[in-house]
Amino acid sequence: MTLAFMPDRLSLRGHLTAAALATAAMSLPSAATAEPSFACTGKLTSTEAAICKDDDLATLDRALAAAFKAKLDAIVAGTAHADDDDRDAVAITQKAWIAHRNECGADKACIRKAYAVRTGAFTAGPNRPYTPCRDTVGAKQAAIFVKQCLQVATATHPPCNAENSCELIISHNIDRCGFLGDGNEVPKFCAALPKPQ
């Protein structure tokens, strides 16, 4: 009689263990709670939603946020390149990059590529070539920056080329708009740029 009872106790113990595991599993966060550098609440673009649901993309986002902060800190500390690393130019480029990244929609390969390009631009050493503006923010936005550059450029137009970094082009635009002042001949886009420091 004791032998017949033993399997039932083991069976009951097995059910209790399975129930305890199921309860514990329900209390764990779901796999879809990745943690990027931004809040995964409120109205999200389809790109932001994809990042929020994917740990790998969230990791890329956090890495980029750290590289962005390090770049801005290096500019403040005076250790970055002086010719193209104006804080305002970096911030404007980042905003344009986010818009370009969001054009990916939920395409994870496109999102990964956008992060690889931007993080690579932030982490490249001083002897590495610039990441072309068109690769950073897309051909359409790069063409807008170049067109603006040509509107305020001097006779020679070295920075006004989508092969240059967006930061170089935008930094040039900020400086030249500041030089032109507030007269009628100043292009309208200059009003939206910060004043040179």
N, C-alpha and C. Protein backbone atom coordinates (compact mmCIF):
# COMPACT_ATOMS: atom_id res chain seq x y z
N MET A 1 0.82 -1.19 0.00
CA MET A 1 0.00 0.00 0.00
C MET A 1 0.86 1.25 0.00
N THR A 2 1.93 1.20 0.69
CA THR A 2 2.82 2.34 0.72
C THR A 2 3.43 2.58 -0.66
N LEU A 3 3.75 1.49 -1.35
CA LEU A 3 4.33 1.64 -2.68
C LEU A 3 3.35 2.27 -3.66
N ALA A 4 2.11 1.92 -3.57
CA ALA A 4 1.11 2.49 -4.46
C ALA A 4 0.90 3.98 -4.19
N PHE A 5 1.09 4.38 -2.97
CA PHE A 5 0.88 5.78 -2.59
C PHE A 5 2.04 6.67 -3.03
N MET A 6 3.24 6.17 -3.08
CA MET A 6 4.44 6.94 -3.41
C MET A 6 4.37 7.61 -4.78
N PRO A 7 3.99 6.91 -5.81
CA PRO A 7 3.94 7.57 -7.10
C PRO A 7 2.98 8.76 -7.12
N ASP A 8 1.86 8.64 -6.38
CA ASP A 8 0.92 9.75 -6.34
C ASP A 8 1.56 10.97 -5.68
N ARG A 9 2.32 10.76 -4.63
CA ARG A 9 2.99 11.88 -3.96
C ARG A 9 4.00 12.53 -4.91
N LEU A 10 4.74 11.72 -5.63
CA LEU A 10 5.70 12.27 -6.59
C LEU A 10 4.97 13.02 -7.70
N SER A 11 3.87 12.46 -8.13
CA SER A 11 3.09 13.11 -9.16
C SER A 11 2.55 14.45 -8.68
N LEU A 12 2.06 14.47 -7.45
CA LEU A 12 1.55 15.71 -6.87
C LEU A 12 2.67 16.72 -6.73
N ARG A 13 3.83 16.27 -6.26
CA ARG A 13 4.98 17.16 -6.13
C ARG A 13 5.37 17.72 -7.49
N GLY A 14 5.31 16.89 -8.53
CA GLY A 14 5.62 17.35 -9.89
C GLY A 14 4.66 18.44 -10.34
N HIS A 15 3.37 18.27 -10.03
CA HIS A 15 2.38 19.28 -10.40
C HIS A 15 2.61 20.58 -9.64
N LEU A 16 2.97 20.46 -8.37
CA LEU A 16 3.25 21.67 -7.59
C LEU A 16 4.46 22.40 -8.14
N THR A 17 5.48 21.65 -8.51
CA THR A 17 6.67 22.27 -9.07
C THR A 17 6.34 22.95 -10.39
N ALA A 18 5.58 22.30 -11.24
CA ALA A 18 5.19 22.90 -12.51
C ALA A 18 4.35 24.16 -12.28
N ALA A 19 3.45 24.11 -11.30
CA ALA A 19 2.62 25.29 -11.00
C ALA A 19 3.48 26.42 -10.47
N ALA A 20 4.45 26.10 -9.62
CA ALA A 20 5.34 27.13 -9.08
C ALA A 20 6.17 27.75 -10.19
N LEU A 21 6.65 26.93 -11.12
CA LEU A 21 7.44 27.46 -12.24
C LEU A 21 6.58 28.34 -13.14
N ALA A 22 5.36 27.93 -13.39
CA ALA A 22 4.46 28.73 -14.23
C ALA A 22 4.17 30.08 -13.59
N THR A 23 3.96 30.07 -12.26
CA THR A 23 3.71 31.32 -11.54
C THR A 23 4.94 32.22 -11.59
N ALA A 24 6.11 31.64 -11.41
CA ALA A 24 7.35 32.42 -11.46
C ALA A 24 7.57 32.98 -12.86
N ALA A 25 7.28 32.20 -13.88
CA ALA A 25 7.47 32.66 -15.25
C ALA A 25 6.55 33.83 -15.58
N MET A 26 5.33 33.80 -15.04
CA MET A 26 4.40 34.89 -15.31
C MET A 26 4.86 36.18 -14.65
N SER A 27 5.64 36.09 -13.58
CA SER A 27 6.08 37.30 -12.90
C SER A 27 7.35 37.88 -13.51
N LEU A 28 8.02 37.14 -14.41
CA LEU A 28 9.21 37.65 -15.07
C LEU A 28 8.80 38.64 -16.14
N PRO A 29 9.70 39.63 -16.43
CA PRO A 29 9.37 40.55 -17.51
C PRO A 29 9.35 39.80 -18.84
N SER A 30 8.52 40.24 -19.74
CA SER A 30 8.43 39.57 -21.03
C SER A 30 9.68 39.84 -21.85
N ALA A 31 9.91 39.00 -22.85
CA ALA A 31 11.09 39.14 -23.70
C ALA A 31 11.00 40.40 -24.55
N ALA A 32 9.83 40.98 -24.65
CA ALA A 32 9.65 42.16 -25.49
C ALA A 32 9.86 43.46 -24.72
N THR A 33 10.57 43.42 -23.62
CA THR A 33 10.81 44.65 -22.86
C THR A 33 12.28 45.05 -22.95
N ALA A 34 12.75 45.29 -24.15
CA ALA A 34 14.11 45.76 -24.34
C ALA A 34 14.21 47.18 -23.76
N GLU A 35 15.42 47.58 -23.42
CA GLU A 35 15.60 48.89 -22.79
C GLU A 35 16.57 49.76 -23.58
N PRO A 36 16.06 50.50 -24.57
CA PRO A 36 16.92 51.44 -25.29
C PRO A 36 17.16 52.69 -24.44
N SER A 37 17.80 53.68 -25.02
CA SER A 37 18.10 54.90 -24.27
C SER A 37 16.89 55.81 -24.10
N PHE A 38 15.82 55.52 -24.82
CA PHE A 38 14.60 56.33 -24.73
C PHE A 38 13.48 55.51 -24.09
N ALA A 39 12.46 56.20 -23.63
CA ALA A 39 11.33 55.52 -22.98
C ALA A 39 10.47 54.82 -24.04
N CYS A 40 10.10 53.60 -23.76
CA CYS A 40 9.26 52.81 -24.67
C CYS A 40 7.79 52.98 -24.32
N THR A 41 7.39 54.21 -24.08
CA THR A 41 6.00 54.51 -23.73
C THR A 41 5.51 55.64 -24.62
N GLY A 42 4.22 55.85 -24.60
CA GLY A 42 3.66 56.95 -25.37
C GLY A 42 3.61 56.62 -26.85
N LYS A 43 3.49 57.64 -27.66
CA LYS A 43 3.41 57.46 -29.11
C LYS A 43 4.81 57.22 -29.66
N LEU A 44 5.01 56.04 -30.20
CA LEU A 44 6.30 55.67 -30.75
C LEU A 44 6.19 55.54 -32.27
N THR A 45 7.27 55.86 -32.96
CA THR A 45 7.32 55.58 -34.39
C THR A 45 7.43 54.07 -34.55
N SER A 46 7.21 53.57 -35.75
CA SER A 46 7.34 52.12 -35.97
C SER A 46 8.78 51.68 -35.74
N THR A 47 9.74 52.55 -36.01
CA THR A 47 11.15 52.23 -35.76
C THR A 47 11.41 52.14 -34.27
N GLU A 48 10.92 53.11 -33.51
CA GLU A 48 11.11 53.08 -32.06
C GLU A 48 10.44 51.84 -31.46
N ALA A 49 9.25 51.49 -31.94
CA ALA A 49 8.56 50.30 -31.44
C ALA A 49 9.38 49.05 -31.73
N ALA A 50 9.99 48.97 -32.92
CA ALA A 50 10.83 47.81 -33.26
C ALA A 50 12.03 47.74 -32.32
N ILE A 51 12.63 48.88 -32.02
CA ILE A 51 13.78 48.91 -31.11
C ILE A 51 13.35 48.47 -29.71
N CYS A 52 12.20 48.92 -29.28
CA CYS A 52 11.70 48.57 -27.95
C CYS A 52 11.38 47.09 -27.81
N LYS A 53 11.15 46.40 -28.90
CA LYS A 53 10.81 44.97 -28.86
C LYS A 53 12.01 44.06 -29.12
N ASP A 54 13.18 44.65 -29.36
CA ASP A 54 14.33 43.83 -29.75
C ASP A 54 15.55 44.19 -28.90
N ASP A 55 16.00 43.23 -28.11
CA ASP A 55 17.14 43.49 -27.21
C ASP A 55 18.39 43.91 -27.97
N ASP A 56 18.65 43.32 -29.14
CA ASP A 56 19.85 43.68 -29.90
C ASP A 56 19.79 45.13 -30.38
N LEU A 57 18.63 45.53 -30.89
CA LEU A 57 18.48 46.92 -31.35
C LEU A 57 18.55 47.88 -30.17
N ALA A 58 17.96 47.50 -29.05
CA ALA A 58 18.02 48.34 -27.85
C ALA A 58 19.47 48.51 -27.39
N THR A 59 20.25 47.44 -27.49
CA THR A 59 21.66 47.51 -27.13
C THR A 59 22.40 48.47 -28.06
N LEU A 60 22.10 48.40 -29.35
CA LEU A 60 22.72 49.33 -30.30
C LEU A 60 22.34 50.77 -29.97
N ASP A 61 21.09 50.98 -29.57
CA ASP A 61 20.64 52.32 -29.23
C ASP A 61 21.38 52.85 -28.00
N ARG A 62 21.53 52.02 -26.99
CA ARG A 62 22.25 52.45 -25.78
C ARG A 62 23.72 52.74 -26.10
N ALA A 63 24.32 51.93 -26.96
CA ALA A 63 25.72 52.15 -27.34
C ALA A 63 25.86 53.47 -28.09
N LEU A 64 24.91 53.75 -28.98
CA LEU A 64 24.96 55.02 -29.71
C LEU A 64 24.76 56.20 -28.76
N ALA A 65 23.85 56.08 -27.83
CA ALA A 65 23.62 57.16 -26.87
C ALA A 65 24.90 57.44 -26.07
N ALA A 66 25.62 56.40 -25.69
CA ALA A 66 26.87 56.57 -24.96
C ALA A 66 27.93 57.23 -25.84
N ALA A 67 28.00 56.81 -27.11
CA ALA A 67 28.97 57.41 -28.05
C ALA A 67 28.65 58.87 -28.31
N PHE A 68 27.36 59.20 -28.42
CA PHE A 68 26.92 60.58 -28.62
C PHE A 68 27.33 61.44 -27.43
N LYS A 69 27.08 60.95 -26.23
CA LYS A 69 27.46 61.69 -25.02
C LYS A 69 28.97 61.86 -24.95
N ALA A 70 29.72 60.81 -25.26
CA ALA A 70 31.18 60.89 -25.24
C ALA A 70 31.69 61.92 -26.24
N LYS A 71 31.05 61.97 -27.40
CA LYS A 71 31.44 62.95 -28.44
C LYS A 71 31.21 64.37 -27.94
N LEU A 72 30.03 64.62 -27.36
CA LEU A 72 29.75 65.96 -26.84
C LEU A 72 30.69 66.31 -25.69
N ASP A 73 30.98 65.34 -24.82
CA ASP A 73 31.91 65.58 -23.71
C ASP A 73 33.30 65.89 -24.22
N ALA A 74 33.73 65.21 -25.29
CA ALA A 74 35.05 65.45 -25.87
C ALA A 74 35.15 66.85 -26.46
N ILE A 75 34.06 67.33 -27.03
CA ILE A 75 34.06 68.68 -27.60
C ILE A 75 34.18 69.71 -26.47
N VAL A 76 33.44 69.50 -25.40
CA VAL A 76 33.52 70.41 -24.25
C VAL A 76 34.93 70.41 -23.68
N ALA A 77 35.53 69.22 -23.61
CA ALA A 77 36.87 69.11 -23.05
C ALA A 77 37.94 69.60 -24.02
N GLY A 78 37.58 69.87 -25.26
CA GLY A 78 38.53 70.39 -26.23
C GLY A 78 39.41 69.33 -26.84
N THR A 79 39.01 68.06 -26.76
CA THR A 79 39.85 67.00 -27.30
C THR A 79 39.39 66.51 -28.66
N ALA A 80 38.30 67.01 -29.18
CA ALA A 80 37.80 66.57 -30.48
C ALA A 80 38.38 67.45 -31.58
N HIS A 81 38.17 67.04 -32.83
CA HIS A 81 38.62 67.85 -33.97
C HIS A 81 37.95 69.21 -33.93
N ALA A 82 38.71 70.26 -34.11
CA ALA A 82 38.15 71.61 -34.04
C ALA A 82 37.42 72.00 -35.32
N ASP A 83 37.73 71.35 -36.44
CA ASP A 83 37.18 71.80 -37.72
C ASP A 83 35.74 71.38 -37.96
N ASP A 84 35.27 70.34 -37.30
CA ASP A 84 33.92 69.90 -37.61
C ASP A 84 33.12 69.46 -36.39
N ASP A 85 33.66 69.61 -35.22
CA ASP A 85 33.01 69.06 -34.04
C ASP A 85 32.35 70.12 -33.17
N ASP A 86 31.68 71.03 -33.78
CA ASP A 86 30.90 72.00 -33.05
C ASP A 86 29.72 71.27 -32.41
N ARG A 87 29.47 71.52 -31.12
CA ARG A 87 28.38 70.84 -30.41
C ARG A 87 27.04 71.00 -31.12
N ASP A 88 26.77 72.19 -31.59
CA ASP A 88 25.49 72.43 -32.27
C ASP A 88 25.41 71.60 -33.55
N ALA A 89 26.51 71.50 -34.29
CA ALA A 89 26.51 70.72 -35.53
C ALA A 89 26.28 69.25 -35.24
N VAL A 90 26.87 68.74 -34.17
CA VAL A 90 26.67 67.34 -33.79
C VAL A 90 25.21 67.11 -33.41
N ALA A 91 24.63 68.03 -32.64
CA ALA A 91 23.24 67.88 -32.20
C ALA A 91 22.27 67.96 -33.39
N ILE A 92 22.51 68.88 -34.31
CA ILE A 92 21.65 69.02 -35.49
C ILE A 92 21.75 67.77 -36.35
N THR A 93 22.97 67.27 -36.53
CA THR A 93 23.15 66.05 -37.31
C THR A 93 22.45 64.87 -36.65
N GLN A 94 22.53 64.79 -35.32
CA GLN A 94 21.88 63.69 -34.62
C GLN A 94 20.36 63.72 -34.83
N LYS A 95 19.80 64.91 -34.79
CA LYS A 95 18.35 65.04 -35.02
C LYS A 95 18.00 64.59 -36.44
N ALA A 96 18.81 64.98 -37.42
CA ALA A 96 18.57 64.57 -38.81
C ALA A 96 18.79 63.06 -38.96
N TRP A 97 19.77 62.52 -38.23
CA TRP A 97 20.01 61.08 -38.29
C TRP A 97 18.80 60.31 -37.74
N ILE A 98 18.21 60.79 -36.65
CA ILE A 98 17.04 60.12 -36.07
C ILE A 98 15.90 60.09 -37.10
N ALA A 99 15.69 61.19 -37.79
CA ALA A 99 14.65 61.23 -38.83
C ALA A 99 14.97 60.21 -39.93
N HIS A 100 16.25 60.12 -40.31
CA HIS A 100 16.67 59.17 -41.33
C HIS A 100 16.49 57.74 -40.84
N ARG A 101 16.87 57.48 -39.59
CA ARG A 101 16.70 56.15 -39.00
C ARG A 101 15.22 55.76 -38.99
N ASN A 102 14.36 56.70 -38.67
CA ASN A 102 12.93 56.42 -38.59
C ASN A 102 12.31 56.09 -39.94
N GLU A 103 12.99 56.44 -41.03
CA GLU A 103 12.52 56.06 -42.36
C GLU A 103 12.62 54.55 -42.57
N CYS A 104 13.36 53.87 -41.71
CA CYS A 104 13.49 52.41 -41.80
C CYS A 104 12.19 51.70 -41.47
N GLY A 105 11.30 52.37 -40.76
CA GLY A 105 10.10 51.68 -40.30
C GLY A 105 10.50 50.58 -39.34
N ALA A 106 9.93 49.40 -39.49
CA ALA A 106 10.25 48.27 -38.61
C ALA A 106 11.30 47.34 -39.23
N ASP A 107 11.95 47.77 -40.31
CA ASP A 107 12.97 46.95 -40.98
C ASP A 107 14.23 46.88 -40.12
N LYS A 108 14.42 45.76 -39.44
CA LYS A 108 15.52 45.63 -38.49
C LYS A 108 16.90 45.74 -39.14
N ALA A 109 17.05 45.22 -40.35
CA ALA A 109 18.34 45.32 -41.05
C ALA A 109 18.67 46.78 -41.34
N CYS A 110 17.69 47.53 -41.77
CA CYS A 110 17.87 48.96 -42.05
C CYS A 110 18.24 49.71 -40.77
N ILE A 111 17.55 49.39 -39.69
CA ILE A 111 17.81 50.04 -38.40
C ILE A 111 19.23 49.73 -37.94
N ARG A 112 19.63 48.46 -38.05
CA ARG A 112 21.00 48.07 -37.65
C ARG A 112 22.04 48.85 -38.45
N LYS A 113 21.81 48.97 -39.76
CA LYS A 113 22.76 49.68 -40.63
C LYS A 113 22.86 51.15 -40.21
N ALA A 114 21.72 51.78 -39.93
CA ALA A 114 21.74 53.18 -39.51
C ALA A 114 22.55 53.35 -38.23
N TYR A 115 22.37 52.45 -37.28
CA TYR A 115 23.14 52.52 -36.03
C TYR A 115 24.63 52.27 -36.28
N ALA A 116 24.94 51.34 -37.15
CA ALA A 116 26.35 51.04 -37.44
C ALA A 116 27.05 52.26 -38.03
N VAL A 117 26.38 52.93 -38.96
CA VAL A 117 26.97 54.10 -39.60
C VAL A 117 27.19 55.23 -38.58
N ARG A 118 26.16 55.52 -37.79
CA ARG A 118 26.26 56.65 -36.86
C ARG A 118 27.22 56.36 -35.72
N THR A 119 27.18 55.17 -35.16
CA THR A 119 28.11 54.83 -34.09
C THR A 119 29.53 54.81 -34.62
N GLY A 120 29.72 54.31 -35.83
CA GLY A 120 31.04 54.32 -36.45
C GLY A 120 31.58 55.73 -36.62
N ALA A 121 30.71 56.66 -36.98
CA ALA A 121 31.14 58.06 -37.13
C ALA A 121 31.59 58.63 -35.79
N PHE A 122 30.89 58.28 -34.71
CA PHE A 122 31.24 58.80 -33.39
C PHE A 122 32.51 58.17 -32.83
N THR A 123 32.76 56.93 -33.17
CA THR A 123 33.87 56.21 -32.54
C THR A 123 35.12 56.12 -33.42
N ALA A 124 35.06 56.67 -34.62
CA ALA A 124 36.23 56.64 -35.51
C ALA A 124 37.37 57.46 -34.92
N GLY A 125 38.54 56.97 -35.11
CA GLY A 125 39.72 57.68 -34.60
C GLY A 125 40.05 58.90 -35.45
N PRO A 126 41.01 59.71 -34.99
CA PRO A 126 41.33 60.95 -35.70
C PRO A 126 41.93 60.74 -37.08
N ASN A 127 42.50 59.59 -37.36
CA ASN A 127 43.10 59.34 -38.67
C ASN A 127 42.18 58.60 -39.62
N ARG A 128 40.92 58.43 -39.25
CA ARG A 128 39.95 57.77 -40.10
C ARG A 128 39.20 58.81 -40.92
N PRO A 129 38.81 58.46 -42.14
CA PRO A 129 38.04 59.43 -42.94
C PRO A 129 36.66 59.67 -42.32
N TYR A 130 36.12 60.83 -42.64
CA TYR A 130 34.78 61.17 -42.16
C TYR A 130 33.75 60.23 -42.76
N THR A 131 32.66 60.05 -42.04
CA THR A 131 31.52 59.35 -42.61
C THR A 131 30.78 60.36 -43.47
N PRO A 132 30.59 60.08 -44.76
CA PRO A 132 29.90 61.04 -45.61
C PRO A 132 28.51 61.40 -45.08
N CYS A 133 28.15 62.65 -45.27
CA CYS A 133 26.86 63.14 -44.79
C CYS A 133 25.71 62.33 -45.38
N ARG A 134 25.80 62.00 -46.65
CA ARG A 134 24.69 61.26 -47.29
C ARG A 134 24.51 59.89 -46.66
N ASP A 135 25.59 59.28 -46.13
CA ASP A 135 25.46 57.98 -45.45
C ASP A 135 24.84 58.15 -44.07
N THR A 136 25.09 59.30 -43.44
CA THR A 136 24.60 59.55 -42.09
C THR A 136 23.12 59.89 -42.05
N VAL A 137 22.70 60.80 -42.92
CA VAL A 137 21.30 61.30 -42.86
C VAL A 137 20.51 61.02 -44.12
N GLY A 138 21.09 60.33 -45.07
CA GLY A 138 20.40 60.03 -46.32
C GLY A 138 20.69 61.09 -47.37
N ALA A 139 20.59 60.71 -48.62
CA ALA A 139 20.94 61.60 -49.74
C ALA A 139 20.08 62.86 -49.79
N LYS A 140 18.79 62.72 -49.50
CA LYS A 140 17.88 63.87 -49.59
C LYS A 140 18.25 64.96 -48.57
N GLN A 141 18.44 64.57 -47.29
CA GLN A 141 18.77 65.56 -46.27
C GLN A 141 20.19 66.10 -46.49
N ALA A 142 21.11 65.25 -46.92
CA ALA A 142 22.48 65.72 -47.20
C ALA A 142 22.45 66.78 -48.31
N ALA A 143 21.62 66.57 -49.32
CA ALA A 143 21.51 67.55 -50.40
C ALA A 143 20.97 68.89 -49.88
N ILE A 144 20.07 68.84 -48.92
CA ILE A 144 19.57 70.08 -48.31
C ILE A 144 20.68 70.81 -47.58
N PHE A 145 21.47 70.09 -46.79
CA PHE A 145 22.59 70.72 -46.08
C PHE A 145 23.59 71.32 -47.06
N VAL A 146 23.88 70.61 -48.15
CA VAL A 146 24.83 71.10 -49.16
C VAL A 146 24.27 72.34 -49.85
N LYS A 147 22.99 72.32 -50.19
CA LYS A 147 22.36 73.48 -50.84
C LYS A 147 22.44 74.70 -49.91
N GLN A 148 22.16 74.50 -48.64
CA GLN A 148 22.26 75.59 -47.67
C GLN A 148 23.69 76.09 -47.60
N CYS A 149 24.63 75.18 -47.60
CA CYS A 149 26.04 75.54 -47.54
C CYS A 149 26.43 76.42 -48.72
N LEU A 150 25.98 76.04 -49.91
CA LEU A 150 26.30 76.82 -51.10
C LEU A 150 25.68 78.21 -51.05
N GLN A 151 24.56 78.37 -50.36
CA GLN A 151 23.91 79.67 -50.24
C GLN A 151 24.72 80.65 -49.39
N VAL A 152 25.53 80.12 -48.48
CA VAL A 152 26.29 81.01 -47.59
C VAL A 152 27.80 80.87 -47.76
N ALA A 153 28.23 80.07 -48.73
CA ALA A 153 29.66 79.80 -48.90
C ALA A 153 30.37 80.96 -49.57
N THR A 154 31.66 80.99 -49.33
CA THR A 154 32.53 81.94 -50.02
C THR A 154 32.78 81.40 -51.42
N ALA A 155 33.65 82.05 -52.19
CA ALA A 155 33.90 81.66 -53.58
C ALA A 155 34.32 80.20 -53.72
N THR A 156 35.15 79.72 -52.83
CA THR A 156 35.50 78.30 -52.87
C THR A 156 34.52 77.57 -51.97
N HIS A 157 34.15 76.39 -52.34
CA HIS A 157 33.11 75.66 -51.61
C HIS A 157 33.62 74.33 -51.04
N PRO A 158 34.72 74.30 -50.33
CA PRO A 158 35.23 73.00 -49.88
C PRO A 158 34.29 72.23 -48.95
N PRO A 159 33.60 72.86 -47.99
CA PRO A 159 32.76 72.03 -47.13
C PRO A 159 31.45 71.61 -47.77
N CYS A 160 31.06 72.27 -48.85
CA CYS A 160 29.74 72.06 -49.43
C CYS A 160 29.71 70.84 -50.35
N ASN A 161 29.85 69.66 -49.74
CA ASN A 161 29.91 68.42 -50.49
C ASN A 161 29.38 67.30 -49.61
N ALA A 162 28.47 66.51 -50.11
CA ALA A 162 27.89 65.42 -49.34
C ALA A 162 28.90 64.34 -48.98
N GLU A 163 30.10 64.41 -49.54
CA GLU A 163 31.18 63.49 -49.16
C GLU A 163 31.77 63.87 -47.80
N ASN A 164 31.60 65.13 -47.41
CA ASN A 164 32.07 65.58 -46.10
C ASN A 164 31.09 65.14 -45.02
N SER A 165 31.54 65.23 -43.78
CA SER A 165 30.64 64.90 -42.68
C SER A 165 29.56 65.97 -42.57
N CYS A 166 28.40 65.56 -42.09
CA CYS A 166 27.31 66.53 -41.87
C CYS A 166 27.77 67.59 -40.88
N GLU A 167 28.52 67.17 -39.85
CA GLU A 167 28.98 68.13 -38.85
C GLU A 167 29.84 69.23 -39.47
N LEU A 168 30.70 68.86 -40.42
CA LEU A 168 31.53 69.86 -41.09
C LEU A 168 30.67 70.84 -41.88
N ILE A 169 29.73 70.32 -42.63
CA ILE A 169 28.85 71.17 -43.44
C ILE A 169 28.02 72.09 -42.54
N ILE A 170 27.41 71.53 -41.51
CA ILE A 170 26.54 72.31 -40.63
C ILE A 170 27.34 73.33 -39.83
N SER A 171 28.51 72.95 -39.36
CA SER A 171 29.36 73.89 -38.62
C SER A 171 29.71 75.08 -39.51
N HIS A 172 30.01 74.79 -40.77
CA HIS A 172 30.29 75.86 -41.74
C HIS A 172 29.06 76.75 -41.90
N ASN A 173 27.89 76.13 -42.02
CA ASN A 173 26.66 76.91 -42.20
C ASN A 173 26.40 77.80 -40.99
N ILE A 174 26.61 77.29 -39.79
CA ILE A 174 26.42 78.09 -38.58
C ILE A 174 27.36 79.28 -38.58
N ASP A 175 28.63 79.03 -38.87
CA ASP A 175 29.63 80.11 -38.87
C ASP A 175 29.32 81.17 -39.92
N ARG A 176 29.01 80.72 -41.15
CA ARG A 176 28.76 81.67 -42.23
C ARG A 176 27.47 82.46 -41.99
N CYS A 177 26.45 81.81 -41.49
CA CYS A 177 25.20 82.53 -41.18
C CYS A 177 25.46 83.59 -40.12
N GLY A 178 26.27 83.25 -39.13
CA GLY A 178 26.63 84.22 -38.09
C GLY A 178 27.42 85.39 -38.66
N PHE A 179 28.28 85.12 -39.62
CA PHE A 179 29.08 86.16 -40.25
C PHE A 179 28.20 87.11 -41.07
N LEU A 180 27.16 86.57 -41.69
CA LEU A 180 26.28 87.39 -42.52
C LEU A 180 25.40 88.32 -41.70
N GLY A 181 25.21 87.99 -40.43
CA GLY A 181 24.40 88.86 -39.57
C GLY A 181 22.92 88.64 -39.76
N ASP A 182 22.15 89.74 -39.71
CA ASP A 182 20.70 89.64 -39.77
C ASP A 182 20.09 90.41 -40.94
N GLY A 183 20.87 90.68 -41.96
CA GLY A 183 20.37 91.49 -43.08
C GLY A 183 19.39 90.75 -43.96
N ASN A 184 18.85 91.47 -44.94
CA ASN A 184 17.88 90.89 -45.88
C ASN A 184 18.49 89.83 -46.78
N GLU A 185 19.81 89.88 -46.98
CA GLU A 185 20.46 88.93 -47.88
C GLU A 185 20.75 87.58 -47.21
N VAL A 186 20.43 87.46 -45.96
CA VAL A 186 20.68 86.23 -45.22
C VAL A 186 19.60 85.20 -45.57
N PRO A 187 20.01 83.99 -45.98
CA PRO A 187 19.01 82.96 -46.29
C PRO A 187 18.12 82.65 -45.09
N LYS A 188 16.87 82.29 -45.35
CA LYS A 188 15.91 82.04 -44.28
C LYS A 188 16.34 80.92 -43.35
N PHE A 189 17.03 79.89 -43.87
CA PHE A 189 17.39 78.76 -43.02
C PHE A 189 18.32 79.19 -41.89
N CYS A 190 19.04 80.30 -42.06
CA CYS A 190 19.97 80.76 -41.04
C CYS A 190 19.26 81.08 -39.71
N ALA A 191 18.01 81.54 -39.81
CA ALA A 191 17.27 81.89 -38.59
C ALA A 191 17.07 80.68 -37.67
N ALA A 192 17.03 79.49 -38.24
CA ALA A 192 16.80 78.29 -37.44
C ALA A 192 18.09 77.74 -36.83
N LEU A 193 19.23 78.26 -37.24
CA LEU A 193 20.50 77.77 -36.72
C LEU A 193 20.92 78.52 -35.47
N PRO A 194 21.64 77.87 -34.57
CA PRO A 194 22.14 78.58 -33.40
C PRO A 194 23.19 79.60 -33.82
N LYS A 195 23.39 80.61 -33.00
CA LYS A 195 24.42 81.61 -33.30
C LYS A 195 25.79 81.02 -33.00
N PRO A 196 26.79 81.33 -33.84
CA PRO A 196 28.13 80.80 -33.59
C PRO A 196 28.69 81.32 -32.27
N GLN A 197 29.54 80.51 -31.64
CA GLN A 197 30.11 80.92 -30.34
C GLN A 197 31.56 81.24 -30.47
